[in-house]
N, C-alpha and C. Protein backbone atom coordinates (compact mmCIF):
# COMPACT_ATOMS: atom_id res chain seq x y z
N MET A 1 -19.28 6.75 -12.74
CA MET A 1 -18.02 7.38 -13.13
C MET A 1 -17.30 6.50 -14.16
N GLN A 2 -17.86 6.47 -15.34
CA GLN A 2 -17.39 5.56 -16.37
C GLN A 2 -16.04 5.96 -16.97
N ASP A 3 -15.69 7.25 -16.88
CA ASP A 3 -14.47 7.72 -17.54
C ASP A 3 -13.21 7.59 -16.69
N ILE A 4 -13.35 7.20 -15.44
CA ILE A 4 -12.19 7.13 -14.55
C ILE A 4 -11.24 6.00 -14.97
N LYS A 5 -9.99 6.35 -15.14
CA LYS A 5 -8.96 5.37 -15.50
C LYS A 5 -7.86 5.27 -14.44
N LEU A 6 -7.77 6.29 -13.59
CA LEU A 6 -6.70 6.37 -12.60
C LEU A 6 -7.28 6.73 -11.24
N VAL A 7 -6.92 5.95 -10.22
CA VAL A 7 -7.32 6.26 -8.84
C VAL A 7 -6.04 6.55 -8.05
N ILE A 8 -5.98 7.75 -7.47
CA ILE A 8 -4.82 8.19 -6.70
C ILE A 8 -5.19 8.17 -5.23
N PHE A 9 -4.37 7.53 -4.41
CA PHE A 9 -4.64 7.41 -2.98
C PHE A 9 -3.64 8.19 -2.14
N ASP A 10 -4.15 8.89 -1.14
CA ASP A 10 -3.33 9.32 -0.02
C ASP A 10 -2.96 8.06 0.76
N LEU A 11 -2.00 8.16 1.67
CA LEU A 11 -1.54 6.98 2.40
C LEU A 11 -2.04 6.97 3.84
N ASP A 12 -1.49 7.84 4.68
CA ASP A 12 -1.85 7.86 6.10
C ASP A 12 -3.30 8.31 6.30
N GLY A 13 -4.04 7.55 7.08
CA GLY A 13 -5.41 7.90 7.37
C GLY A 13 -6.38 7.48 6.28
N THR A 14 -5.85 7.03 5.15
CA THR A 14 -6.69 6.60 4.03
C THR A 14 -6.57 5.10 3.80
N LEU A 15 -5.35 4.63 3.57
CA LEU A 15 -5.09 3.20 3.39
C LEU A 15 -4.49 2.57 4.65
N ILE A 16 -3.69 3.35 5.36
CA ILE A 16 -2.92 2.83 6.49
C ILE A 16 -3.15 3.68 7.74
N ASP A 17 -3.35 3.00 8.86
CA ASP A 17 -3.47 3.67 10.16
C ASP A 17 -2.11 3.62 10.84
N ALA A 18 -1.39 4.72 10.77
CA ALA A 18 -0.05 4.81 11.38
C ALA A 18 -0.03 5.76 12.57
N TYR A 19 -1.20 6.11 13.08
CA TYR A 19 -1.26 7.11 14.15
C TYR A 19 -0.51 6.66 15.41
N SER A 20 -0.64 5.39 15.79
CA SER A 20 0.05 4.91 16.98
C SER A 20 1.56 4.97 16.79
N ALA A 21 2.02 4.65 15.59
CA ALA A 21 3.45 4.71 15.28
C ALA A 21 3.95 6.15 15.33
N ILE A 22 3.16 7.07 14.81
CA ILE A 22 3.53 8.48 14.83
C ILE A 22 3.58 9.00 16.26
N ASN A 23 2.56 8.65 17.05
CA ASN A 23 2.52 9.08 18.46
C ASN A 23 3.77 8.62 19.20
N CYS A 24 4.13 7.36 18.99
CA CYS A 24 5.27 6.78 19.68
C CYS A 24 6.56 7.51 19.33
N SER A 25 6.78 7.73 18.02
CA SER A 25 8.00 8.40 17.58
C SER A 25 8.02 9.86 18.00
N PHE A 26 6.88 10.50 17.92
CA PHE A 26 6.78 11.91 18.30
C PHE A 26 7.15 12.10 19.77
N ASN A 27 6.55 11.32 20.64
CA ASN A 27 6.82 11.51 22.07
C ASN A 27 8.18 10.97 22.48
N PHE A 28 8.76 10.07 21.69
CA PHE A 28 10.16 9.68 21.89
C PHE A 28 11.06 10.91 21.71
N VAL A 29 10.77 11.69 20.67
CA VAL A 29 11.55 12.91 20.42
C VAL A 29 11.36 13.90 21.55
N MET A 30 10.12 14.07 21.99
CA MET A 30 9.86 15.01 23.08
C MET A 30 10.67 14.63 24.33
N GLY A 31 10.74 13.34 24.61
CA GLY A 31 11.49 12.88 25.76
C GLY A 31 12.98 13.14 25.62
N LYS A 32 13.51 12.87 24.43
CA LYS A 32 14.94 13.07 24.18
C LYS A 32 15.33 14.55 24.29
N LEU A 33 14.40 15.44 23.94
CA LEU A 33 14.69 16.86 23.98
C LEU A 33 14.18 17.53 25.25
N SER A 34 13.76 16.71 26.22
CA SER A 34 13.24 17.21 27.50
C SER A 34 12.08 18.19 27.30
N LEU A 35 11.21 17.83 26.35
CA LEU A 35 10.02 18.62 26.07
C LEU A 35 8.78 17.88 26.55
N LYS A 36 7.70 18.63 26.69
CA LYS A 36 6.45 18.07 27.19
C LYS A 36 5.85 17.10 26.17
N PRO A 37 5.51 15.87 26.60
CA PRO A 37 4.83 14.95 25.67
C PRO A 37 3.45 15.49 25.31
N GLN A 38 2.96 15.11 24.15
CA GLN A 38 1.67 15.59 23.68
C GLN A 38 0.65 14.45 23.62
N SER A 39 -0.61 14.79 23.74
CA SER A 39 -1.67 13.79 23.69
C SER A 39 -1.81 13.25 22.27
N SER A 40 -2.39 12.07 22.17
CA SER A 40 -2.60 11.46 20.85
C SER A 40 -3.48 12.34 19.98
N GLU A 41 -4.45 13.03 20.57
CA GLU A 41 -5.34 13.90 19.79
C GLU A 41 -4.59 15.11 19.25
N THR A 42 -3.72 15.69 20.06
CA THR A 42 -2.93 16.84 19.61
C THR A 42 -2.03 16.44 18.45
N ILE A 43 -1.38 15.29 18.58
CA ILE A 43 -0.50 14.80 17.52
C ILE A 43 -1.30 14.48 16.26
N ARG A 44 -2.43 13.83 16.44
CA ARG A 44 -3.28 13.46 15.30
C ARG A 44 -3.68 14.68 14.49
N ARG A 45 -4.00 15.77 15.19
CA ARG A 45 -4.43 16.99 14.51
C ARG A 45 -3.29 17.65 13.74
N ALA A 46 -2.05 17.30 14.08
CA ALA A 46 -0.89 17.89 13.41
C ALA A 46 -0.37 17.04 12.26
N VAL A 47 -0.93 15.84 12.11
CA VAL A 47 -0.48 14.90 11.07
C VAL A 47 -1.00 15.35 9.70
N GLY A 48 -0.24 14.99 8.67
CA GLY A 48 -0.72 15.17 7.31
C GLY A 48 0.09 16.13 6.47
N TRP A 49 0.98 16.88 7.12
CA TRP A 49 1.75 17.91 6.41
C TRP A 49 3.21 17.50 6.23
N GLY A 50 3.55 16.25 6.53
CA GLY A 50 4.94 15.81 6.49
C GLY A 50 5.57 15.86 7.87
N ASP A 51 6.61 15.05 8.08
CA ASP A 51 7.17 14.92 9.43
C ASP A 51 7.85 16.19 9.94
N LYS A 52 8.46 16.96 9.07
CA LYS A 52 9.10 18.21 9.51
C LYS A 52 8.05 19.18 10.05
N ASN A 53 6.94 19.30 9.32
CA ASN A 53 5.87 20.19 9.76
C ASN A 53 5.13 19.65 10.98
N LEU A 54 5.17 18.33 11.17
CA LEU A 54 4.59 17.74 12.38
C LEU A 54 5.34 18.21 13.62
N LEU A 55 6.66 18.25 13.54
CA LEU A 55 7.48 18.59 14.70
C LEU A 55 7.65 20.10 14.91
N LYS A 56 7.60 20.85 13.83
CA LYS A 56 7.95 22.28 13.88
C LYS A 56 7.21 23.08 14.96
N PRO A 57 5.90 22.88 15.17
CA PRO A 57 5.23 23.71 16.19
C PRO A 57 5.65 23.40 17.63
N PHE A 58 6.31 22.27 17.83
CA PHE A 58 6.60 21.82 19.19
C PHE A 58 8.08 21.90 19.56
N VAL A 59 8.92 22.24 18.59
CA VAL A 59 10.38 22.22 18.80
C VAL A 59 10.96 23.57 18.41
N GLU A 60 11.89 24.06 19.21
CA GLU A 60 12.54 25.32 18.87
C GLU A 60 13.32 25.17 17.57
N ARG A 61 13.37 26.26 16.83
CA ARG A 61 13.96 26.23 15.49
C ARG A 61 15.36 25.63 15.47
N GLN A 62 16.19 25.99 16.45
CA GLN A 62 17.58 25.52 16.45
C GLN A 62 17.69 24.02 16.74
N ASN A 63 16.61 23.43 17.26
CA ASN A 63 16.61 22.00 17.57
C ASN A 63 15.85 21.15 16.54
N LEU A 64 15.30 21.81 15.51
CA LEU A 64 14.42 21.09 14.59
C LEU A 64 15.16 20.01 13.79
N ALA A 65 16.36 20.30 13.33
CA ALA A 65 17.11 19.31 12.55
C ALA A 65 17.40 18.07 13.39
N ARG A 66 17.82 18.28 14.63
CA ARG A 66 18.08 17.13 15.52
C ARG A 66 16.79 16.37 15.81
N ALA A 67 15.72 17.10 16.04
CA ALA A 67 14.43 16.46 16.32
C ALA A 67 14.00 15.59 15.14
N LEU A 68 14.20 16.10 13.94
CA LEU A 68 13.82 15.35 12.74
C LEU A 68 14.66 14.10 12.58
N ASP A 69 15.95 14.20 12.85
CA ASP A 69 16.82 13.02 12.79
C ASP A 69 16.40 11.97 13.82
N LEU A 70 16.10 12.41 15.03
CA LEU A 70 15.65 11.49 16.07
C LEU A 70 14.34 10.82 15.69
N TYR A 71 13.43 11.61 15.16
CA TYR A 71 12.11 11.10 14.77
C TYR A 71 12.25 10.04 13.68
N ARG A 72 13.01 10.35 12.65
CA ARG A 72 13.12 9.43 11.51
C ARG A 72 13.85 8.15 11.89
N SER A 73 14.87 8.27 12.73
CA SER A 73 15.60 7.09 13.18
C SER A 73 14.68 6.15 13.97
N HIS A 74 13.88 6.72 14.85
CA HIS A 74 12.95 5.92 15.66
C HIS A 74 11.80 5.38 14.83
N HIS A 75 11.36 6.17 13.85
CA HIS A 75 10.13 5.86 13.13
C HIS A 75 10.26 4.63 12.23
N LYS A 76 11.47 4.32 11.79
CA LYS A 76 11.67 3.14 10.94
C LYS A 76 11.14 1.88 11.62
N ASN A 77 11.40 1.75 12.90
CA ASN A 77 10.94 0.58 13.65
C ASN A 77 9.52 0.74 14.17
N SER A 78 9.19 1.96 14.56
CA SER A 78 7.86 2.23 15.08
C SER A 78 6.78 1.92 14.04
N LEU A 79 7.05 2.28 12.80
CA LEU A 79 6.08 2.02 11.73
C LEU A 79 5.76 0.54 11.61
N LEU A 80 6.80 -0.29 11.63
CA LEU A 80 6.61 -1.73 11.47
C LEU A 80 5.89 -2.34 12.67
N LYS A 81 6.10 -1.77 13.83
CA LYS A 81 5.53 -2.33 15.05
C LYS A 81 4.08 -1.93 15.28
N TYR A 82 3.74 -0.69 14.95
CA TYR A 82 2.45 -0.16 15.38
C TYR A 82 1.45 0.16 14.26
N SER A 83 1.89 0.19 13.02
CA SER A 83 0.97 0.54 11.93
C SER A 83 0.08 -0.64 11.55
N LYS A 84 -1.06 -0.34 10.97
CA LYS A 84 -1.95 -1.39 10.48
C LYS A 84 -2.69 -0.90 9.24
N LEU A 85 -3.03 -1.85 8.41
CA LEU A 85 -3.79 -1.57 7.20
C LEU A 85 -5.27 -1.46 7.58
N TYR A 86 -5.96 -0.49 7.00
CA TYR A 86 -7.40 -0.40 7.26
C TYR A 86 -8.12 -1.62 6.66
N PRO A 87 -9.25 -2.01 7.25
CA PRO A 87 -9.98 -3.18 6.75
C PRO A 87 -10.36 -3.03 5.27
N ASN A 88 -10.26 -4.14 4.56
CA ASN A 88 -10.70 -4.27 3.16
C ASN A 88 -9.85 -3.51 2.14
N VAL A 89 -8.70 -2.97 2.57
CA VAL A 89 -7.85 -2.25 1.63
C VAL A 89 -7.32 -3.18 0.54
N LYS A 90 -6.79 -4.34 0.94
CA LYS A 90 -6.23 -5.25 -0.06
C LYS A 90 -7.30 -5.73 -1.03
N LYS A 91 -8.47 -6.01 -0.53
CA LYS A 91 -9.58 -6.45 -1.39
C LYS A 91 -9.94 -5.35 -2.39
N LEU A 92 -10.00 -4.11 -1.92
CA LEU A 92 -10.33 -3.00 -2.80
C LEU A 92 -9.28 -2.82 -3.88
N LEU A 93 -8.01 -2.85 -3.51
CA LEU A 93 -6.94 -2.68 -4.49
C LEU A 93 -6.95 -3.79 -5.52
N ARG A 94 -7.20 -5.03 -5.07
CA ARG A 94 -7.29 -6.16 -6.02
C ARG A 94 -8.42 -5.93 -7.01
N CYS A 95 -9.55 -5.46 -6.50
CA CYS A 95 -10.71 -5.23 -7.37
C CYS A 95 -10.42 -4.15 -8.40
N LEU A 96 -9.81 -3.07 -7.96
CA LEU A 96 -9.51 -1.97 -8.87
C LEU A 96 -8.55 -2.43 -9.97
N LYS A 97 -7.52 -3.18 -9.59
CA LYS A 97 -6.57 -3.68 -10.59
C LYS A 97 -7.25 -4.65 -11.55
N LYS A 98 -8.09 -5.51 -11.00
CA LYS A 98 -8.80 -6.49 -11.82
C LYS A 98 -9.69 -5.81 -12.86
N ASN A 99 -10.22 -4.65 -12.49
CA ASN A 99 -11.10 -3.92 -13.40
C ASN A 99 -10.38 -2.87 -14.24
N GLY A 100 -9.06 -2.94 -14.27
CA GLY A 100 -8.29 -2.17 -15.23
C GLY A 100 -7.87 -0.77 -14.83
N TYR A 101 -8.06 -0.40 -13.57
CA TYR A 101 -7.67 0.93 -13.13
C TYR A 101 -6.16 1.02 -12.90
N LYS A 102 -5.58 2.14 -13.26
CA LYS A 102 -4.23 2.47 -12.84
C LYS A 102 -4.31 3.03 -11.43
N LEU A 103 -3.32 2.67 -10.59
CA LEU A 103 -3.34 3.10 -9.19
C LEU A 103 -2.06 3.85 -8.85
N ALA A 104 -2.20 4.91 -8.05
CA ALA A 104 -1.04 5.70 -7.65
C ALA A 104 -1.19 6.13 -6.19
N VAL A 105 -0.06 6.47 -5.59
CA VAL A 105 -0.03 7.02 -4.23
C VAL A 105 0.48 8.46 -4.31
N ALA A 106 -0.21 9.37 -3.60
CA ALA A 106 0.23 10.76 -3.47
C ALA A 106 0.26 11.09 -1.98
N SER A 107 1.46 11.12 -1.40
CA SER A 107 1.57 11.27 0.05
C SER A 107 2.51 12.40 0.45
N ASN A 108 2.17 13.09 1.53
CA ASN A 108 3.10 14.06 2.11
C ASN A 108 4.14 13.39 3.00
N ARG A 109 3.96 12.10 3.28
CA ARG A 109 4.95 11.34 4.04
C ARG A 109 6.20 11.16 3.16
N PRO A 110 7.41 11.28 3.71
CA PRO A 110 8.62 11.10 2.90
C PRO A 110 8.66 9.75 2.19
N THR A 111 9.29 9.71 1.04
CA THR A 111 9.32 8.52 0.20
C THR A 111 9.83 7.29 0.95
N LYS A 112 10.92 7.45 1.68
CA LYS A 112 11.52 6.32 2.39
C LYS A 112 10.51 5.62 3.29
N PHE A 113 9.74 6.39 4.04
CA PHE A 113 8.82 5.81 5.00
C PHE A 113 7.53 5.33 4.33
N SER A 114 7.15 5.98 3.25
CA SER A 114 6.01 5.49 2.48
C SER A 114 6.31 4.10 1.92
N LEU A 115 7.51 3.92 1.40
CA LEU A 115 7.89 2.62 0.84
C LEU A 115 8.01 1.55 1.92
N ILE A 116 8.49 1.93 3.11
CA ILE A 116 8.54 0.98 4.22
C ILE A 116 7.15 0.43 4.50
N LEU A 117 6.17 1.31 4.55
CA LEU A 117 4.79 0.89 4.83
C LEU A 117 4.22 0.04 3.70
N LEU A 118 4.38 0.49 2.48
CA LEU A 118 3.81 -0.23 1.33
C LEU A 118 4.41 -1.62 1.18
N ARG A 119 5.70 -1.74 1.43
CA ARG A 119 6.35 -3.06 1.36
C ARG A 119 5.95 -3.94 2.55
N HIS A 120 5.87 -3.33 3.73
CA HIS A 120 5.50 -4.08 4.93
C HIS A 120 4.14 -4.73 4.78
N PHE A 121 3.20 -4.00 4.20
CA PHE A 121 1.85 -4.54 4.05
C PHE A 121 1.64 -5.25 2.71
N LYS A 122 2.72 -5.39 1.94
CA LYS A 122 2.71 -6.15 0.68
C LYS A 122 1.67 -5.60 -0.30
N ILE A 123 1.62 -4.29 -0.42
CA ILE A 123 0.72 -3.67 -1.39
C ILE A 123 1.46 -2.77 -2.38
N LYS A 124 2.77 -2.66 -2.26
CA LYS A 124 3.52 -1.78 -3.16
C LYS A 124 3.31 -2.17 -4.62
N GLU A 125 3.26 -3.47 -4.87
CA GLU A 125 3.13 -3.94 -6.26
C GLU A 125 1.78 -3.61 -6.88
N LYS A 126 0.82 -3.21 -6.06
CA LYS A 126 -0.49 -2.84 -6.59
C LYS A 126 -0.48 -1.47 -7.26
N PHE A 127 0.55 -0.68 -6.98
CA PHE A 127 0.56 0.70 -7.46
C PHE A 127 1.48 0.86 -8.66
N ASP A 128 0.98 1.58 -9.65
CA ASP A 128 1.74 1.84 -10.87
C ASP A 128 2.71 3.00 -10.70
N TYR A 129 2.44 3.85 -9.71
CA TYR A 129 3.30 5.02 -9.50
C TYR A 129 3.13 5.49 -8.06
N ILE A 130 4.25 5.85 -7.43
CA ILE A 130 4.25 6.35 -6.05
C ILE A 130 5.01 7.66 -6.03
N LEU A 131 4.35 8.71 -5.57
CA LEU A 131 5.00 10.03 -5.53
C LEU A 131 4.74 10.67 -4.17
N CYS A 132 5.83 11.13 -3.55
CA CYS A 132 5.72 11.75 -2.23
C CYS A 132 6.24 13.19 -2.29
N ALA A 133 5.82 13.98 -1.33
CA ALA A 133 6.07 15.42 -1.38
C ALA A 133 7.55 15.78 -1.29
N ASP A 134 8.38 14.88 -0.72
CA ASP A 134 9.80 15.21 -0.63
C ASP A 134 10.50 15.18 -1.99
N ARG A 135 9.80 14.71 -3.02
CA ARG A 135 10.35 14.71 -4.38
C ARG A 135 9.90 15.93 -5.18
N LEU A 136 9.13 16.79 -4.53
CA LEU A 136 8.55 17.93 -5.23
C LEU A 136 8.85 19.22 -4.48
N ARG A 137 8.62 20.33 -5.15
CA ARG A 137 8.83 21.62 -4.51
C ARG A 137 7.75 21.92 -3.46
N PHE A 138 6.53 21.45 -3.73
CA PHE A 138 5.42 21.71 -2.83
C PHE A 138 4.68 20.42 -2.51
N GLY A 139 4.23 20.30 -1.25
CA GLY A 139 3.36 19.20 -0.86
C GLY A 139 1.91 19.64 -0.86
N LYS A 140 1.03 18.70 -0.56
CA LYS A 140 -0.39 19.05 -0.42
C LYS A 140 -0.56 20.03 0.73
N PRO A 141 -1.48 20.99 0.61
CA PRO A 141 -2.61 21.05 -0.32
C PRO A 141 -2.30 21.67 -1.68
N HIS A 142 -1.05 21.98 -1.98
CA HIS A 142 -0.70 22.43 -3.33
C HIS A 142 -1.07 21.31 -4.31
N PRO A 143 -1.58 21.64 -5.47
CA PRO A 143 -2.02 20.61 -6.43
C PRO A 143 -0.90 19.93 -7.21
N LEU A 144 0.35 20.35 -7.01
CA LEU A 144 1.46 19.86 -7.84
C LEU A 144 1.54 18.34 -7.84
N ILE A 145 1.38 17.70 -6.70
CA ILE A 145 1.56 16.24 -6.63
C ILE A 145 0.52 15.52 -7.47
N LEU A 146 -0.72 16.00 -7.45
CA LEU A 146 -1.78 15.38 -8.26
C LEU A 146 -1.58 15.68 -9.73
N ASN A 147 -1.24 16.91 -10.04
CA ASN A 147 -1.01 17.27 -11.44
C ASN A 147 0.13 16.46 -12.05
N THR A 148 1.18 16.24 -11.25
CA THR A 148 2.34 15.49 -11.74
C THR A 148 1.97 14.04 -12.02
N ILE A 149 1.19 13.43 -11.14
CA ILE A 149 0.79 12.04 -11.32
C ILE A 149 -0.09 11.89 -12.56
N ILE A 150 -1.06 12.77 -12.71
CA ILE A 150 -1.97 12.69 -13.87
C ILE A 150 -1.20 12.88 -15.17
N LYS A 151 -0.25 13.79 -15.17
CA LYS A 151 0.59 14.01 -16.35
C LYS A 151 1.42 12.78 -16.66
N LYS A 152 1.90 12.10 -15.63
CA LYS A 152 2.68 10.88 -15.79
C LYS A 152 1.93 9.84 -16.62
N PHE A 153 0.61 9.77 -16.43
CA PHE A 153 -0.21 8.78 -17.14
C PHE A 153 -0.83 9.34 -18.42
N SER A 154 -0.51 10.58 -18.75
CA SER A 154 -1.03 11.24 -19.97
C SER A 154 -2.56 11.20 -20.03
N LEU A 155 -3.18 11.52 -18.89
CA LEU A 155 -4.63 11.49 -18.80
C LEU A 155 -5.19 12.89 -18.62
N GLU A 156 -6.50 13.01 -18.84
CA GLU A 156 -7.21 14.25 -18.54
C GLU A 156 -7.61 14.25 -17.07
N LYS A 157 -7.86 15.44 -16.53
CA LYS A 157 -8.25 15.54 -15.12
C LYS A 157 -9.54 14.74 -14.83
N ALA A 158 -10.46 14.73 -15.78
CA ALA A 158 -11.73 14.04 -15.58
C ALA A 158 -11.58 12.53 -15.53
N GLN A 159 -10.41 12.03 -15.91
CA GLN A 159 -10.17 10.59 -15.91
C GLN A 159 -9.51 10.11 -14.62
N ALA A 160 -9.30 11.02 -13.68
CA ALA A 160 -8.65 10.68 -12.41
C ALA A 160 -9.59 10.91 -11.24
N LEU A 161 -9.42 10.11 -10.20
CA LEU A 161 -10.14 10.26 -8.94
C LEU A 161 -9.11 10.22 -7.82
N TYR A 162 -9.22 11.16 -6.90
CA TYR A 162 -8.29 11.21 -5.76
C TYR A 162 -9.03 10.82 -4.49
N VAL A 163 -8.38 10.00 -3.65
CA VAL A 163 -8.98 9.53 -2.41
C VAL A 163 -8.07 9.89 -1.24
N GLY A 164 -8.60 10.66 -0.28
CA GLY A 164 -7.83 11.07 0.89
C GLY A 164 -8.68 11.06 2.14
N ASP A 165 -8.14 11.62 3.22
CA ASP A 165 -8.89 11.61 4.49
C ASP A 165 -8.95 12.96 5.17
N MET A 166 -8.23 13.97 4.66
CA MET A 166 -8.12 15.25 5.35
C MET A 166 -8.68 16.39 4.51
N SER A 167 -8.91 17.50 5.18
CA SER A 167 -9.34 18.70 4.47
C SER A 167 -8.28 19.15 3.47
N ILE A 168 -6.99 18.93 3.79
CA ILE A 168 -5.95 19.33 2.83
C ILE A 168 -5.99 18.47 1.57
N ASP A 169 -6.48 17.22 1.69
CA ASP A 169 -6.66 16.39 0.51
C ASP A 169 -7.77 16.94 -0.37
N ALA A 170 -8.86 17.37 0.27
CA ALA A 170 -9.96 17.97 -0.48
C ALA A 170 -9.51 19.27 -1.15
N GLN A 171 -8.69 20.04 -0.44
CA GLN A 171 -8.16 21.28 -1.01
C GLN A 171 -7.26 20.99 -2.21
N ALA A 172 -6.38 20.00 -2.07
CA ALA A 172 -5.48 19.64 -3.17
C ALA A 172 -6.28 19.19 -4.38
N GLY A 173 -7.30 18.36 -4.15
CA GLY A 173 -8.14 17.89 -5.25
C GLY A 173 -8.86 19.03 -5.95
N ARG A 174 -9.41 19.95 -5.16
CA ARG A 174 -10.13 21.08 -5.76
C ARG A 174 -9.18 21.96 -6.56
N ARG A 175 -8.00 22.22 -6.02
CA ARG A 175 -7.04 23.08 -6.71
C ARG A 175 -6.50 22.43 -7.99
N ALA A 176 -6.47 21.09 -7.99
CA ALA A 176 -6.03 20.36 -9.19
C ALA A 176 -7.18 20.10 -10.15
N HIS A 177 -8.40 20.46 -9.75
CA HIS A 177 -9.61 20.21 -10.55
C HIS A 177 -9.81 18.71 -10.79
N VAL A 178 -9.61 17.95 -9.70
CA VAL A 178 -9.78 16.50 -9.74
C VAL A 178 -10.86 16.11 -8.73
N ASN A 179 -11.81 15.30 -9.16
CA ASN A 179 -12.84 14.81 -8.25
C ASN A 179 -12.18 14.08 -7.08
N THR A 180 -12.60 14.41 -5.86
CA THR A 180 -11.96 13.87 -4.66
C THR A 180 -12.97 13.22 -3.74
N VAL A 181 -12.63 12.02 -3.27
CA VAL A 181 -13.42 11.30 -2.28
C VAL A 181 -12.66 11.36 -0.96
N ILE A 182 -13.34 11.79 0.10
CA ILE A 182 -12.72 11.85 1.41
C ILE A 182 -13.31 10.76 2.31
N VAL A 183 -12.41 9.99 2.93
CA VAL A 183 -12.80 8.95 3.88
C VAL A 183 -12.70 9.54 5.27
N THR A 184 -13.78 9.54 6.02
CA THR A 184 -13.76 10.13 7.36
C THR A 184 -13.00 9.23 8.34
N GLY A 185 -12.60 9.81 9.46
CA GLY A 185 -11.90 9.05 10.48
C GLY A 185 -10.43 9.36 10.55
N GLY A 186 -9.96 10.26 9.68
CA GLY A 186 -8.55 10.64 9.69
C GLY A 186 -8.31 11.83 10.62
N SER A 187 -7.46 12.73 10.19
CA SER A 187 -7.04 13.84 11.05
C SER A 187 -8.01 15.01 11.06
N SER A 188 -8.87 15.10 10.07
CA SER A 188 -9.80 16.23 9.97
C SER A 188 -11.19 15.86 10.46
N SER A 189 -11.88 16.83 11.04
CA SER A 189 -13.25 16.60 11.48
C SER A 189 -14.19 16.61 10.27
N LEU A 190 -15.38 16.07 10.46
CA LEU A 190 -16.37 16.04 9.38
C LEU A 190 -16.72 17.46 8.93
N SER A 191 -16.84 18.38 9.87
CA SER A 191 -17.18 19.75 9.51
C SER A 191 -16.08 20.41 8.69
N GLU A 192 -14.81 20.10 9.03
CA GLU A 192 -13.69 20.63 8.25
C GLU A 192 -13.70 20.08 6.83
N ILE A 193 -14.04 18.81 6.71
CA ILE A 193 -14.09 18.18 5.39
C ILE A 193 -15.23 18.76 4.57
N LYS A 194 -16.41 18.87 5.16
CA LYS A 194 -17.58 19.39 4.44
C LYS A 194 -17.34 20.82 3.94
N LYS A 195 -16.60 21.58 4.71
CA LYS A 195 -16.30 22.96 4.34
C LYS A 195 -15.57 23.03 3.00
N GLU A 196 -14.78 22.00 2.69
CA GLU A 196 -14.00 21.98 1.45
C GLU A 196 -14.78 21.44 0.26
N LYS A 197 -15.98 20.92 0.51
CA LYS A 197 -16.89 20.47 -0.55
C LYS A 197 -16.26 19.47 -1.53
N PRO A 198 -15.77 18.34 -1.01
CA PRO A 198 -15.24 17.32 -1.92
C PRO A 198 -16.36 16.67 -2.74
N PHE A 199 -16.00 15.93 -3.74
CA PHE A 199 -16.97 15.26 -4.61
C PHE A 199 -17.84 14.28 -3.82
N LYS A 200 -17.22 13.47 -2.97
CA LYS A 200 -17.95 12.51 -2.13
C LYS A 200 -17.27 12.41 -0.77
N ILE A 201 -18.07 12.09 0.25
CA ILE A 201 -17.55 11.77 1.57
C ILE A 201 -18.08 10.40 1.95
N VAL A 202 -17.18 9.48 2.34
CA VAL A 202 -17.58 8.12 2.73
C VAL A 202 -16.97 7.81 4.09
N ASN A 203 -17.56 6.84 4.79
CA ASN A 203 -17.04 6.52 6.13
C ASN A 203 -16.17 5.27 6.16
N ARG A 204 -16.02 4.61 5.00
CA ARG A 204 -15.12 3.45 4.90
C ARG A 204 -14.50 3.43 3.52
N ILE A 205 -13.25 2.99 3.46
CA ILE A 205 -12.52 2.99 2.20
C ILE A 205 -13.18 2.08 1.16
N ASP A 206 -13.77 0.96 1.61
CA ASP A 206 -14.35 0.04 0.63
C ASP A 206 -15.61 0.59 -0.03
N LYS A 207 -16.15 1.69 0.49
CA LYS A 207 -17.31 2.31 -0.16
C LYS A 207 -16.92 3.00 -1.47
N LEU A 208 -15.62 3.05 -1.73
CA LEU A 208 -15.17 3.54 -3.02
C LEU A 208 -15.70 2.66 -4.16
N GLN A 209 -15.93 1.39 -3.86
CA GLN A 209 -16.49 0.49 -4.86
C GLN A 209 -17.82 1.01 -5.37
N LYS A 210 -18.66 1.49 -4.47
CA LYS A 210 -19.97 2.01 -4.87
C LYS A 210 -19.83 3.30 -5.66
N VAL A 211 -18.90 4.16 -5.25
CA VAL A 211 -18.66 5.40 -5.96
C VAL A 211 -18.30 5.12 -7.41
N LEU A 212 -17.53 4.06 -7.63
CA LEU A 212 -17.08 3.68 -8.98
C LEU A 212 -18.00 2.67 -9.65
N SER A 213 -19.15 2.38 -8.99
CA SER A 213 -20.13 1.42 -9.53
C SER A 213 -19.52 0.04 -9.75
N LEU A 214 -18.71 -0.39 -8.77
CA LEU A 214 -18.00 -1.66 -8.88
C LEU A 214 -18.51 -2.71 -7.90
N ASP A 215 -19.55 -2.42 -7.13
CA ASP A 215 -19.98 -3.33 -6.08
C ASP A 215 -20.16 -4.76 -6.56
N SER A 216 -20.90 -4.94 -7.64
CA SER A 216 -21.19 -6.30 -8.12
C SER A 216 -19.92 -6.99 -8.61
N ARG A 217 -19.04 -6.23 -9.25
CA ARG A 217 -17.81 -6.82 -9.79
C ARG A 217 -16.78 -7.10 -8.70
N CYS A 218 -16.81 -6.33 -7.61
CA CYS A 218 -15.85 -6.54 -6.52
C CYS A 218 -16.27 -7.68 -5.62
N ASN A 219 -17.54 -7.94 -5.56
CA ASN A 219 -18.07 -8.93 -4.60
C ASN A 219 -18.25 -10.32 -5.20
N ARG A 220 -17.81 -10.50 -6.41
CA ARG A 220 -17.93 -11.83 -7.02
C ARG A 220 -16.96 -12.80 -6.38
């Protein structure tokens, strides 16, 4: 992939494992509203569409605004306590920057919480541009977020690569006509991912080096 100049990353499930933090904040809300707590698997399957959409199926409409306020208030601390960076992420980002790639984040997570995570793990400075769905009319799987980022860098679609972990990431990439790499282990099953026919499927984020033919240059 010699023409790639920009690599766009999803955040949750791709670079950062925040599932425990999400579970904690989600069930905190359920407790406050006297609702039934949900299993980690149920919550995991609902992740990826933004926090409002995470809560919406479990909370009555008239309580959704309060639920969202409770969730976000709790989540500021939960993120710092329970989130972790996936292995080799910092090494990969260093390698990509060293080899001249522009890097961006495209996340359905609200901007405030995306920045909390990126600063906490000291990787914010690795990214040239960060765009989250709360700054746009539509979130993923709509292609707007990817199209906006690519336009920001004045590049062609063929010069960008998108990396995510969910079927909605593959859908967003396909709709934006951008080659997409999906890392397994996130919220979507392998069969759901394969159904969307992404450009590549890998089981670890650092295998992106091989996709970009950077193995020898990253391992020096």
